[in-house]
Amino acid sequence: MKKVIKFSLFILFFLIIFSQINVVGAEAGTTVSIPNPLGATTGTSIPILLGKVINTALSVVGSLALVMFVYGGITWMLSSGSPEQVTKGKNIFIWATVGLIIIFSAYALVTLVFTSMGVK
């Protein structure tokens, strides 16, 4: 019974606090302005935003490749001569290198496409 009373008081308190009616801008007749997420007021378009997103994503993936190189090196160095751990470290290096080749290829392709579209 005490749990029901506590829960009911909590719900009542919650409803009293969060049920207040707020005045919105439409009622007051004010204008609402949304800032441009690209930062500039002119000369921004979807291809520019897309280019920024792709460059950021490629930067993050490149950083992850660096982390994988470090992890592979640590695995290899701490293998203590264990053939399985040495192979694991070498495989991490190989796949991180393959990942970097893919990243550079993607960057070259994106740069080629945006250059042909006239986007800088």
Protein backbone atom coordinates (compact mmCIF):
# COMPACT_ATOMS: atom_id res chain seq x y z
CA MET A 1 0.00 0.00 0.00
CA LYS A 2 2.86 2.36 0.80
CA LYS A 3 4.38 1.72 -2.63
CA VAL A 4 1.11 2.66 -4.31
CA ILE A 5 0.90 5.90 -2.33
CA LYS A 6 4.53 6.79 -3.07
CA PHE A 7 4.06 6.02 -6.75
CA SER A 8 0.83 8.06 -6.88
CA LEU A 9 2.51 11.03 -5.20
CA PHE A 10 5.43 10.78 -7.63
CA ILE A 11 3.10 10.76 -10.63
CA LEU A 12 1.09 13.68 -9.20
CA PHE A 13 4.27 15.67 -8.56
CA PHE A 14 5.52 14.86 -12.06
CA LEU A 15 2.24 16.00 -13.63
CA ILE A 16 2.15 19.23 -11.65
CA ILE A 17 5.73 20.15 -12.53
CA PHE A 18 5.70 19.22 -16.21
CA SER A 19 2.14 20.11 -17.21
CA GLN A 20 2.65 23.86 -17.25
CA ILE A 21 1.57 25.51 -20.48
CA ASN A 22 4.37 27.39 -22.20
CA VAL A 23 3.91 30.37 -24.47
CA VAL A 24 5.10 29.66 -27.98
CA GLY A 25 6.42 32.10 -30.56
CA ALA A 26 3.36 31.70 -32.77
CA GLU A 27 1.11 33.18 -30.11
CA ALA A 28 3.32 36.20 -29.55
CA GLY A 29 3.72 36.92 -33.27
CA THR A 30 7.49 36.79 -33.16
CA THR A 31 9.64 35.33 -35.89
CA VAL A 32 11.75 32.26 -35.32
CA SER A 33 15.15 31.99 -36.98
CA ILE A 34 17.23 28.85 -37.24
CA PRO A 35 21.00 29.31 -37.58
CA ASN A 36 22.69 27.74 -40.56
CA PRO A 37 24.48 24.56 -39.39
CA LEU A 38 27.16 25.03 -42.07
CA GLY A 39 28.35 28.21 -40.41
CA ALA A 40 28.20 30.48 -43.45
CA THR A 41 25.22 32.46 -44.62
CA THR A 42 25.91 32.35 -48.35
CA GLY A 43 27.48 29.90 -50.76
CA THR A 44 26.53 26.76 -48.87
CA SER A 45 24.85 23.84 -50.51
CA ILE A 46 24.25 20.15 -50.09
CA PRO A 47 27.41 19.10 -52.02
CA ILE A 48 29.55 21.26 -49.73
CA LEU A 49 27.92 19.76 -46.64
CA LEU A 50 28.31 16.27 -48.10
CA GLY A 51 31.99 16.95 -48.80
CA LYS A 52 32.54 18.07 -45.21
CA VAL A 53 30.80 14.97 -43.86
CA ILE A 54 32.81 12.64 -46.12
CA ASN A 55 36.12 14.34 -45.22
CA THR A 56 35.30 14.06 -41.53
CA ALA A 57 34.37 10.39 -41.90
CA LEU A 58 37.58 9.65 -43.80
CA SER A 59 39.59 11.41 -41.08
CA VAL A 60 37.96 9.31 -38.37
CA VAL A 61 38.53 6.09 -40.33
CA GLY A 62 42.17 7.06 -40.88
CA SER A 63 42.58 7.57 -37.15
CA LEU A 64 41.07 4.14 -36.55
CA ALA A 65 43.62 2.65 -38.96
CA LEU A 66 46.39 4.24 -36.90
CA VAL A 67 44.90 2.73 -33.74
CA MET A 68 44.84 -0.68 -35.44
CA PHE A 69 48.51 -0.33 -36.40
CA VAL A 70 49.36 0.42 -32.77
CA TYR A 71 47.22 -2.50 -31.56
CA GLY A 72 48.85 -4.85 -34.06
CA GLY A 73 52.31 -3.71 -32.97
CA ILE A 74 51.50 -4.20 -29.31
CA THR A 75 50.04 -7.64 -30.02
CA TRP A 76 53.13 -8.63 -31.98
CA MET A 77 55.57 -7.26 -29.39
CA LEU A 78 53.78 -8.90 -26.45
CA SER A 79 53.42 -12.26 -28.21
CA SER A 80 56.38 -13.75 -26.29
CA GLY A 81 57.20 -15.94 -29.26
CA SER A 82 53.72 -17.46 -29.46
CA PRO A 83 53.11 -18.25 -33.14
CA GLU A 84 49.38 -17.57 -32.84
CA GLN A 85 49.92 -14.10 -31.39
CA VAL A 86 52.63 -13.26 -33.95
CA THR A 87 50.27 -14.32 -36.74
CA LYS A 88 47.47 -12.27 -35.16
CA GLY A 89 49.71 -9.18 -35.01
CA LYS A 90 50.82 -9.63 -38.62
CA ASN A 91 47.21 -10.07 -39.77
CA ILE A 92 46.23 -6.86 -37.98
CA PHE A 93 49.03 -5.04 -39.82
CA ILE A 94 47.98 -6.52 -43.16
CA TRP A 95 44.30 -5.63 -42.76
CA ALA A 96 45.09 -2.15 -41.43
CA THR A 97 47.20 -1.62 -44.57
CA VAL A 98 44.34 -2.85 -46.75
CA GLY A 99 42.05 -0.46 -44.88
CA LEU A 100 44.41 2.45 -45.54
CA ILE A 101 44.52 1.59 -49.24
CA ILE A 102 40.71 1.62 -49.30
CA ILE A 103 40.64 4.94 -47.42
CA PHE A 104 43.08 6.58 -49.85
CA SER A 105 41.15 5.20 -52.82
CA ALA A 106 37.88 6.53 -51.40
CA TYR A 107 39.46 9.93 -50.80
CA ALA A 108 40.79 10.03 -54.37
CA LEU A 109 37.39 9.03 -55.75
CA VAL A 110 35.53 11.63 -53.69
CA THR A 111 38.03 14.31 -54.70
CA LEU A 112 37.67 13.34 -58.36
CA VAL A 113 33.86 13.42 -58.23
CA PHE A 114 33.70 16.74 -56.39
CA THR A 115 36.30 18.31 -58.68
CA SER A 116 34.33 17.23 -61.73
CA MET A 117 31.20 18.73 -60.15
CA GLY A 118 33.00 22.00 -59.48
CA VAL A 119 32.78 21.74 -55.69
CA LYS A 120 35.87 22.79 -53.76
